[in-house]
Amino acid sequence: MASSCSSLSFTAISSYPQKPSSSSPRIKLPFTSHLSFSKSSSSFLHSHQTLFTTHSRKLPRPNGAHFLVLGCGRKAEPLRIMISGAPASGKGTQCELITKKYGLVHIAAGDLLRAEIAAGSENGKQAKEYMDKGQLVPDEIVVTMVKERLNGPDSQEKGWLLDGYPRSSSQSIALKEFGFQPDLFILLEVPEEILVERVVGRRLDPVTGKIYHLKYSPPETEEIAARLAQRFDDTDEKACKIAFAHSPSKCGSSSLNV
């Protein structure tokens, strides 16, 4: 989906306390919007409980394609990335680009949950009980699913991109206790009005499952256009609630509260 946003920003968080040196391998991630970074190193969550340390630097805006260039201190081990952002922030697009470029295993907590339920696993059965009651699935169930997937042979061999998780400080702490700490943490921040515009313009093709946007990614044919439907949660009111809930100015400044 093309973006109308000219001020999309990414916060890049390295788990290494030192700043990248000239001898560190450099990772180049392709993005299509302006990049902005925090001015100095900082810790977050609680003052006594730092999970990751932020190191970032200003980059000039080049002509043509834009890149987020980061240093990574690991040379032999596969890359490990976490990415978070509000609905319609472009997470899906960036995940596709990153996994294709670096051959990482894409892991999304929501997909894991649905797969476990469909498979009828013990974790899936427990999760379904809560969902059938209209309750949130407890952290301990979800983090167990995520842990098992991150420990999978393919994830260990190729590296992984964890999509939309963790969503809270408790989930972050649980992952750290299990020994999972990313080389990079990417937070996608998009202005509230852009999120609303993206959400209300989305349309679903019930035949193929493909997502279109009336303005930025219109259907290829009139036949497809005629059968497109708006998802029940893609209303103006719902979009505003989503955008407002994910706005850093309304929810605090925690980089993990997405």
C-alpha atoms as a PDB file:
ATOM      1  CA  MET A   1       0.000   0.000   0.000  1.00  0.00           C
ATOM      2  CA  ALA A   2       1.358   3.366  -0.944  1.00  0.00           C
ATOM      3  CA  SER A   3       1.664   5.855   1.862  1.00  0.00           C
ATOM      4  CA  SER A   4       0.430   9.422   2.020  1.00  0.00           C
ATOM      5  CA  CYS A   5       2.513  10.118   5.086  1.00  0.00           C
ATOM      6  CA  SER A   6       5.637  12.197   4.688  1.00  0.00           C
ATOM      7  CA  SER A   7       6.672  12.137   8.331  1.00  0.00           C
ATOM      8  CA  LEU A   8       6.640   8.467   9.269  1.00  0.00           C
ATOM      9  CA  SER A   9       9.250   7.851  11.950  1.00  0.00           C
ATOM     10  CA  PHE A  10      11.037   4.771  13.181  1.00  0.00           C
ATOM     11  CA  THR A  11      12.637   4.294  16.575  1.00  0.00           C
ATOM     12  CA  ALA A  12      15.506   1.839  16.278  1.00  0.00           C
ATOM     13  CA  ILE A  13      16.535   0.178  19.506  1.00  0.00           C
ATOM     14  CA  SER A  14      19.691  -1.890  19.857  1.00  0.00           C
ATOM     15  CA  SER A  15      20.194  -4.324  22.708  1.00  0.00           C
ATOM     16  CA  TYR A  16      23.896  -3.462  22.817  1.00  0.00           C
ATOM     17  CA  PRO A  17      25.114  -0.809  25.257  1.00  0.00           C
ATOM     18  CA  GLN A  18      27.860   0.429  22.962  1.00  0.00           C
ATOM     19  CA  LYS A  19      27.288   2.550  19.885  1.00  0.00           C
ATOM     20  CA  PRO A  20      27.927   0.798  16.557  1.00  0.00           C
ATOM     21  CA  SER A  21      31.546   1.096  15.518  1.00  0.00           C
ATOM     22  CA  SER A  22      32.925   1.426  12.035  1.00  0.00           C
ATOM     23  CA  SER A  23      33.975  -2.217  12.206  1.00  0.00           C
ATOM     24  CA  SER A  24      30.467  -3.465  13.018  1.00  0.00           C
ATOM     25  CA  PRO A  25      28.515  -5.038  10.142  1.00  0.00           C
ATOM     26  CA  ARG A  26      25.874  -2.655   8.793  1.00  0.00           C
ATOM     27  CA  ILE A  27      22.310  -3.600   8.086  1.00  0.00           C
ATOM     28  CA  LYS A  28      20.368  -1.653   5.491  1.00  0.00           C
ATOM     29  CA  LEU A  29      16.572  -1.834   5.692  1.00  0.00           C
ATOM     30  CA  PRO A  30      14.518  -0.340   2.840  1.00  0.00           C
ATOM     31  CA  PHE A  31      11.754   2.093   3.742  1.00  0.00           C
ATOM     32  CA  THR A  32       9.879   4.666   1.698  1.00  0.00           C
ATOM     33  CA  SER A  33       9.197   7.465   4.149  1.00  0.00           C
ATOM     34  CA  HIS A  34      11.141  10.071   6.118  1.00  0.00           C
ATOM     35  CA  LEU A  35      13.040   8.737   9.109  1.00  0.00           C
ATOM     36  CA  SER A  36      13.439  10.471  12.439  1.00  0.00           C
ATOM     37  CA  PHE A  37      15.219   9.323  15.566  1.00  0.00           C
ATOM     38  CA  SER A  38      15.480  10.193  19.223  1.00  0.00           C
ATOM     39  CA  LYS A  39      18.379  12.520  20.018  1.00  0.00           C
ATOM     40  CA  SER A  40      20.138  10.536  22.702  1.00  0.00           C
ATOM     41  CA  SER A  41      20.440   7.180  24.409  1.00  0.00           C
ATOM     42  CA  SER A  42      17.675   6.421  26.884  1.00  0.00           C
ATOM     43  CA  SER A  43      16.148   3.588  28.873  1.00  0.00           C
ATOM     44  CA  PHE A  44      12.441   2.952  29.205  1.00  0.00           C
ATOM     45  CA  LEU A  45       9.741   0.955  30.996  1.00  0.00           C
ATOM     46  CA  HIS A  46      10.805   1.520  34.625  1.00  0.00           C
ATOM     47  CA  SER A  47      13.815   3.472  35.810  1.00  0.00           C
ATOM     48  CA  HIS A  48      15.087   0.400  37.670  1.00  0.00           C
ATOM     49  CA  GLN A  49      14.210  -2.133  34.975  1.00  0.00           C
ATOM     50  CA  THR A  50      15.808  -1.481  31.607  1.00  0.00           C
ATOM     51  CA  LEU A  51      15.186  -4.050  28.880  1.00  0.00           C
ATOM     52  CA  PHE A  52      16.796  -2.343  25.930  1.00  0.00           C
ATOM     53  CA  THR A  53      18.922   0.749  25.449  1.00  0.00           C
ATOM     54  CA  THR A  54      18.162   3.213  22.686  1.00  0.00           C
ATOM     55  CA  HIS A  55      21.008   4.325  20.425  1.00  0.00           C
ATOM     56  CA  SER A  56      20.158   6.289  17.318  1.00  0.00           C
ATOM     57  CA  ARG A  57      21.475   9.008  15.080  1.00  0.00           C
ATOM     58  CA  LYS A  58      20.113  11.477  12.588  1.00  0.00           C
ATOM     59  CA  LEU A  59      20.333  10.472   8.955  1.00  0.00           C
ATOM     60  CA  PRO A  60      20.109  12.827   5.979  1.00  0.00           C
ATOM     61  CA  ARG A  61      17.150  12.317   3.716  1.00  0.00           C
ATOM     62  CA  PRO A  62      18.576  10.980   0.436  1.00  0.00           C
ATOM     63  CA  ASN A  63      17.050  11.366  -2.976  1.00  0.00           C
ATOM     64  CA  GLY A  64      14.960   8.428  -4.080  1.00  0.00           C
ATOM     65  CA  ALA A  65      14.693   5.442  -1.740  1.00  0.00           C
ATOM     66  CA  HIS A  66      15.151   5.938   1.983  1.00  0.00           C
ATOM     67  CA  PHE A  67      17.011   3.607   4.290  1.00  0.00           C
ATOM     68  CA  LEU A  68      17.292   2.974   7.979  1.00  0.00           C
ATOM     69  CA  VAL A  69      20.969   2.099   8.543  1.00  0.00           C
ATOM     70  CA  LEU A  70      21.820   0.400  11.809  1.00  0.00           C
ATOM     71  CA  GLY A  71      24.879  -1.230  13.320  1.00  0.00           C
ATOM     72  CA  CYS A  72      24.635  -4.763  14.640  1.00  0.00           C
ATOM     73  CA  GLY A  73      27.233  -6.200  16.993  1.00  0.00           C
ATOM     74  CA  ARG A  74      26.554  -9.834  16.121  1.00  0.00           C
ATOM     75  CA  LYS A  75      28.526 -11.357  13.289  1.00  0.00           C
ATOM     76  CA  ALA A  76      27.855 -15.098  13.390  1.00  0.00           C
ATOM     77  CA  GLU A  77      24.377 -15.345  14.900  1.00  0.00           C
ATOM     78  CA  PRO A  78      21.226 -14.810  12.809  1.00  0.00           C
ATOM     79  CA  LEU A  79      19.440 -11.484  13.027  1.00  0.00           C
ATOM     80  CA  ARG A  80      16.624 -11.033  15.551  1.00  0.00           C
ATOM     81  CA  ILE A  81      14.164  -8.167  15.120  1.00  0.00           C
ATOM     82  CA  MET A  82      11.000  -7.005  16.888  1.00  0.00           C
ATOM     83  CA  ILE A  83       8.627  -4.618  15.121  1.00  0.00           C
ATOM     84  CA  SER A  84       5.569  -2.847  16.521  1.00  0.00           C
ATOM     85  CA  GLY A  85       3.059  -0.267  15.368  1.00  0.00           C
ATOM     86  CA  ALA A  86      -0.608   0.636  15.356  1.00  0.00           C
ATOM     87  CA  PRO A  87      -3.059  -1.000  12.931  1.00  0.00           C
ATOM     88  CA  ALA A  88      -2.571   0.526   9.450  1.00  0.00           C
ATOM     89  CA  SER A  89       0.894   1.800  10.371  1.00  0.00           C
ATOM     90  CA  GLY A  90       2.429  -0.274   7.576  1.00  0.00           C
ATOM     91  CA  LYS A  91       3.746  -3.158   9.662  1.00  0.00           C
ATOM     92  CA  GLY A  92       2.664  -5.747   7.123  1.00  0.00           C
ATOM     93  CA  THR A  93       4.470  -3.999   4.284  1.00  0.00           C
ATOM     94  CA  GLN A  94       7.688  -3.539   6.243  1.00  0.00           C
ATOM     95  CA  CYS A  95       7.610  -7.128   7.537  1.00  0.00           C
ATOM     96  CA  GLU A  96       7.294  -8.403   3.983  1.00  0.00           C
ATOM     97  CA  LEU A  97      10.240  -6.287   2.822  1.00  0.00           C
ATOM     98  CA  ILE A  98      12.475  -7.215   5.757  1.00  0.00           C
ATOM     99  CA  THR A  99      11.780 -10.964   5.712  1.00  0.00           C
ATOM    100  CA  LYS A 100      12.257 -11.125   1.952  1.00  0.00           C
ATOM    101  CA  LYS A 101      15.520  -9.169   2.106  1.00  0.00           C
ATOM    102  CA  TYR A 102      17.123 -11.064   4.993  1.00  0.00           C
ATOM    103  CA  GLY A 103      15.400 -14.454   4.879  1.00  0.00           C
ATOM    104  CA  LEU A 104      14.025 -14.173   8.418  1.00  0.00           C
ATOM    105  CA  VAL A 105      11.158 -16.202   9.841  1.00  0.00           C
ATOM    106  CA  HIS A 106       8.108 -13.943  10.232  1.00  0.00           C
ATOM    107  CA  ILE A 107       6.340 -14.597  13.539  1.00  0.00           C
ATOM    108  CA  ALA A 108       3.077 -12.842  14.449  1.00  0.00           C
ATOM    109  CA  ALA A 109       1.425 -13.572  17.795  1.00  0.00           C
ATOM    110  CA  GLY A 110      -2.073 -13.381  16.300  1.00  0.00           C
ATOM    111  CA  ASP A 111      -1.218 -15.945  13.632  1.00  0.00           C
ATOM    112  CA  LEU A 112       0.294 -18.236  16.258  1.00  0.00           C
ATOM    113  CA  LEU A 113      -2.843 -18.005  18.364  1.00  0.00           C
ATOM    114  CA  ARG A 114      -5.132 -18.871  15.449  1.00  0.00           C
ATOM    115  CA  ALA A 115      -2.879 -21.746  14.379  1.00  0.00           C
ATOM    116  CA  GLU A 116      -2.800 -23.227  17.887  1.00  0.00           C
ATOM    117  CA  ILE A 117      -6.593 -23.048  18.146  1.00  0.00           C
ATOM    118  CA  ALA A 118      -7.038 -24.628  14.710  1.00  0.00           C
ATOM    119  CA  ALA A 119      -4.605 -27.416  15.623  1.00  0.00           C
ATOM    120  CA  GLY A 120      -6.433 -28.113  18.876  1.00  0.00           C
ATOM    121  CA  SER A 121      -3.244 -27.945  20.942  1.00  0.00           C
ATOM    122  CA  GLU A 122      -3.343 -27.584  24.716  1.00  0.00           C
ATOM    123  CA  ASN A 123      -2.368 -23.924  24.454  1.00  0.00           C
ATOM    124  CA  GLY A 124      -4.988 -23.444  21.749  1.00  0.00           C
ATOM    125  CA  LYS A 125      -7.733 -25.036  23.839  1.00  0.00           C
ATOM    126  CA  GLN A 126      -6.916 -22.834  26.810  1.00  0.00           C
ATOM    127  CA  ALA A 127      -6.843 -19.729  24.632  1.00  0.00           C
ATOM    128  CA  LYS A 128     -10.172 -20.600  23.018  1.00  0.00           C
ATOM    129  CA  GLU A 129     -11.849 -20.887  26.414  1.00  0.00           C
ATOM    130  CA  TYR A 130     -10.967 -17.286  27.195  1.00  0.00           C
ATOM    131  CA  MET A 131     -11.878 -16.045  23.719  1.00  0.00           C
ATOM    132  CA  ASP A 132     -15.273 -17.781  23.799  1.00  0.00           C
ATOM    133  CA  LYS A 133     -16.006 -15.858  27.003  1.00  0.00           C
ATOM    134  CA  GLY A 134     -14.992 -12.597  25.366  1.00  0.00           C
ATOM    135  CA  GLN A 135     -11.920 -12.331  27.576  1.00  0.00           C
ATOM    136  CA  LEU A 136      -8.315 -11.534  26.704  1.00  0.00           C
ATOM    137  CA  VAL A 137      -5.972 -14.496  26.479  1.00  0.00           C
ATOM    138  CA  PRO A 138      -3.595 -14.337  29.493  1.00  0.00           C
ATOM    139  CA  ASP A 139       0.008 -13.332  28.876  1.00  0.00           C
ATOM    140  CA  GLU A 140       1.375 -16.648  30.109  1.00  0.00           C
ATOM    141  CA  ILE A 141      -0.446 -18.551  27.351  1.00  0.00           C
ATOM    142  CA  VAL A 142       0.587 -16.215  24.551  1.00  0.00           C
ATOM    143  CA  VAL A 143       4.193 -15.873  25.671  1.00  0.00           C
ATOM    144  CA  THR A 144       4.469 -19.673  25.827  1.00  0.00           C
ATOM    145  CA  MET A 145       3.340 -19.898  22.201  1.00  0.00           C
ATOM    146  CA  VAL A 146       5.772 -17.182  21.166  1.00  0.00           C
ATOM    147  CA  LYS A 147       8.627 -18.802  23.100  1.00  0.00           C
ATOM    148  CA  GLU A 148       8.065 -22.177  21.448  1.00  0.00           C
ATOM    149  CA  ARG A 149       7.986 -20.588  17.991  1.00  0.00           C
ATOM    150  CA  LEU A 150      11.127 -18.520  18.594  1.00  0.00           C
ATOM    151  CA  ASN A 151      12.870 -21.710  19.709  1.00  0.00           C
ATOM    152  CA  GLY A 152      11.843 -23.517  16.520  1.00  0.00           C
ATOM    153  CA  PRO A 153      14.677 -24.918  14.369  1.00  0.00           C
ATOM    154  CA  ASP A 154      13.961 -22.571  11.456  1.00  0.00           C
ATOM    155  CA  SER A 155      13.856 -19.501  13.719  1.00  0.00           C
ATOM    156  CA  GLN A 156      17.136 -20.457  15.354  1.00  0.00           C
ATOM    157  CA  GLU A 157      18.825 -21.117  12.019  1.00  0.00           C
ATOM    158  CA  LYS A 158      17.522 -18.197   9.930  1.00  0.00           C
ATOM    159  CA  GLY A 159      16.738 -15.576  12.564  1.00  0.00           C
ATOM    160  CA  TRP A 160      13.329 -14.092  13.220  1.00  0.00           C
ATOM    161  CA  LEU A 161      11.122 -11.034  12.881  1.00  0.00           C
ATOM    162  CA  LEU A 162       8.625 -10.864  15.752  1.00  0.00           C
ATOM    163  CA  ASP A 163       5.614  -8.875  14.593  1.00  0.00           C
ATOM    164  CA  GLY A 164       3.452  -6.867  17.015  1.00  0.00           C
ATOM    165  CA  TYR A 165       4.777  -8.477  20.171  1.00  0.00           C
ATOM    166  CA  PRO A 166       5.477  -7.694  22.984  1.00  0.00           C
ATOM    167  CA  ARG A 167       2.603  -5.265  23.587  1.00  0.00           C
ATOM    168  CA  SER A 168       3.204  -4.514  27.254  1.00  0.00           C
ATOM    169  CA  SER A 169       6.025  -4.260  29.759  1.00  0.00           C
ATOM    170  CA  SER A 170       4.966  -7.546  31.399  1.00  0.00           C
ATOM    171  CA  GLN A 171       5.228  -9.362  28.065  1.00  0.00           C
ATOM    172  CA  SER A 172       8.613  -7.750  27.447  1.00  0.00           C
ATOM    173  CA  ILE A 173       9.893  -8.857  30.834  1.00  0.00           C
ATOM    174  CA  ALA A 174       8.634 -12.402  30.241  1.00  0.00           C
ATOM    175  CA  LEU A 175      10.474 -12.626  26.916  1.00  0.00           C
ATOM    176  CA  LYS A 176      13.661 -11.324  28.495  1.00  0.00           C
ATOM    177  CA  GLU A 177      13.407 -13.895  31.279  1.00  0.00           C
ATOM    178  CA  PHE A 178      13.159 -16.603  28.613  1.00  0.00           C
ATOM    179  CA  GLY A 179      16.356 -15.269  27.081  1.00  0.00           C
ATOM    180  CA  PHE A 180      14.908 -13.502  24.037  1.00  0.00           C
ATOM    181  CA  GLN A 181      16.359 -10.086  23.359  1.00  0.00           C
ATOM    182  CA  PRO A 182      16.343  -8.493  19.897  1.00  0.00           C
ATOM    183  CA  ASP A 183      19.245  -7.084  17.976  1.00  0.00           C
ATOM    184  CA  LEU A 184      16.858  -4.409  16.706  1.00  0.00           C
ATOM    185  CA  PHE A 185      13.511  -3.040  17.859  1.00  0.00           C
ATOM    186  CA  ILE A 186      11.563  -1.032  15.273  1.00  0.00           C
ATOM    187  CA  LEU A 187       8.588   1.111  16.266  1.00  0.00           C
ATOM    188  CA  LEU A 188       6.451   2.545  13.458  1.00  0.00           C
ATOM    189  CA  GLU A 189       4.810   5.840  14.394  1.00  0.00           C
ATOM    190  CA  VAL A 190       2.255   7.386  12.036  1.00  0.00           C
ATOM    191  CA  PRO A 191       0.208  10.582  12.608  1.00  0.00           C
ATOM    192  CA  GLU A 192      -3.303   9.953  13.878  1.00  0.00           C
ATOM    193  CA  GLU A 193      -5.056  11.455  10.857  1.00  0.00           C
ATOM    194  CA  ILE A 194      -3.107   9.187   8.497  1.00  0.00           C
ATOM    195  CA  LEU A 195      -4.083   6.078  10.475  1.00  0.00           C
ATOM    196  CA  VAL A 196      -7.739   7.066  10.235  1.00  0.00           C
ATOM    197  CA  GLU A 197      -7.492   7.692   6.488  1.00  0.00           C
ATOM    198  CA  ARG A 198      -5.806   4.355   5.904  1.00  0.00           C
ATOM    199  CA  VAL A 199      -8.265   2.368   7.996  1.00  0.00           C
ATOM    200  CA  VAL A 200     -11.505   3.796   6.611  1.00  0.00           C
ATOM    201  CA  GLY A 201     -10.253   3.378   3.036  1.00  0.00           C
ATOM    202  CA  ARG A 202      -9.406  -0.307   3.389  1.00  0.00           C
ATOM    203  CA  ARG A 203     -11.478  -2.864   1.512  1.00  0.00           C
ATOM    204  CA  LEU A 204     -11.370  -6.659   1.563  1.00  0.00           C
ATOM    205  CA  ASP A 205     -11.761  -8.969  -1.416  1.00  0.00           C
ATOM    206  CA  PRO A 206     -13.806 -11.867   0.041  1.00  0.00           C
ATOM    207  CA  VAL A 207     -12.697 -14.166  -2.782  1.00  0.00           C
ATOM    208  CA  THR A 208      -8.919 -13.802  -2.540  1.00  0.00           C
ATOM    209  CA  GLY A 209      -8.566 -12.295   0.936  1.00  0.00           C
ATOM    210  CA  LYS A 210      -6.457  -9.474  -0.515  1.00  0.00           C
ATOM    211  CA  ILE A 211      -6.635  -6.046   1.123  1.00  0.00           C
ATOM    212  CA  TYR A 212      -7.099  -2.979  -1.089  1.00  0.00           C
ATOM    213  CA  HIS A 213      -7.299   0.742  -0.385  1.00  0.00           C
ATOM    214  CA  LEU A 214      -9.691   2.942  -2.318  1.00  0.00           C
ATOM    215  CA  LYS A 215      -7.105   5.698  -2.721  1.00  0.00           C
ATOM    216  CA  TYR A 216      -3.648   4.152  -2.406  1.00  0.00           C
ATOM    217  CA  SER A 217      -4.120   0.599  -3.668  1.00  0.00           C
ATOM    218  CA  PRO A 218      -7.327   0.425  -5.738  1.00  0.00           C
ATOM    219  CA  PRO A 219      -8.572  -2.857  -7.265  1.00  0.00           C
ATOM    220  CA  GLU A 220      -7.204  -3.846 -10.655  1.00  0.00           C
ATOM    221  CA  THR A 221     -10.569  -4.459 -12.337  1.00  0.00           C
ATOM    222  CA  GLU A 222     -14.200  -3.363 -12.063  1.00  0.00           C
ATOM    223  CA  GLU A 223     -15.145  -6.963 -11.315  1.00  0.00           C
ATOM    224  CA  ILE A 224     -12.962  -6.970  -8.210  1.00  0.00           C
ATOM    225  CA  ALA A 225     -14.176  -3.500  -7.215  1.00  0.00           C
ATOM    226  CA  ALA A 226     -17.796  -4.664  -7.320  1.00  0.00           C
ATOM    227  CA  ARG A 227     -17.238  -7.406  -4.775  1.00  0.00           C
ATOM    228  CA  LEU A 228     -15.053  -5.510  -2.298  1.00  0.00           C
ATOM    229  CA  ALA A 229     -16.388  -5.199   1.227  1.00  0.00           C
ATOM    230  CA  GLN A 230     -15.471  -3.016   4.176  1.00  0.00           C
ATOM    231  CA  ARG A 231     -14.429  -4.921   7.255  1.00  0.00           C
ATOM    232  CA  PHE A 232     -16.824  -4.527  10.170  1.00  0.00           C
ATOM    233  CA  ASP A 233     -14.179  -2.845  12.319  1.00  0.00           C
ATOM    234  CA  ASP A 234     -13.023  -0.392   9.621  1.00  0.00           C
ATOM    235  CA  THR A 235     -15.536   2.331  10.428  1.00  0.00           C
ATOM    236  CA  ASP A 236     -14.762   5.983  11.140  1.00  0.00           C
ATOM    237  CA  GLU A 237     -15.511   5.566  14.836  1.00  0.00           C
ATOM    238  CA  LYS A 238     -13.448   2.410  15.142  1.00  0.00           C
ATOM    239  CA  ALA A 239     -10.571   3.939  13.191  1.00  0.00           C
ATOM    240  CA  CYS A 240     -10.477   6.971  15.457  1.00  0.00           C
ATOM    241  CA  LYS A 241     -10.457   4.763  18.540  1.00  0.00           C
ATOM    242  CA  ILE A 242      -7.582   2.704  17.156  1.00  0.00           C
ATOM    243  CA  ALA A 243      -5.551   5.761  16.203  1.00  0.00           C
ATOM    244  CA  PHE A 244      -6.223   7.498  19.513  1.00  0.00           C
ATOM    245  CA  ALA A 245      -5.339   4.414  21.548  1.00  0.00           C
ATOM    246  CA  HIS A 246      -2.007   4.035  19.787  1.00  0.00           C
ATOM    247  CA  SER A 247      -1.021   7.696  19.877  1.00  0.00           C
ATOM    248  CA  PRO A 248       2.112   8.159  22.049  1.00  0.00           C
ATOM    249  CA  SER A 249       0.819  11.533  23.256  1.00  0.00           C
ATOM    250  CA  LYS A 250      -2.319   9.892  24.615  1.00  0.00           C
ATOM    251  CA  CYS A 251      -0.839   6.686  25.949  1.00  0.00           C
ATOM    252  CA  GLY A 252       2.455   7.775  27.454  1.00  0.00           C
ATOM    253  CA  SER A 253       5.947   7.485  26.069  1.00  0.00           C
ATOM    254  CA  SER A 254       6.751   3.801  26.495  1.00  0.00           C
ATOM    255  CA  SER A 255       8.221   2.499  23.264  1.00  0.00           C
ATOM    256  CA  LEU A 256       6.721  -0.919  23.944  1.00  0.00           C
ATOM    257  CA  ASN A 257       3.169   0.229  24.621  1.00  0.00           C
ATOM    258  CA  VAL A 258       1.773  -0.357  21.146  1.00  0.00           C
END
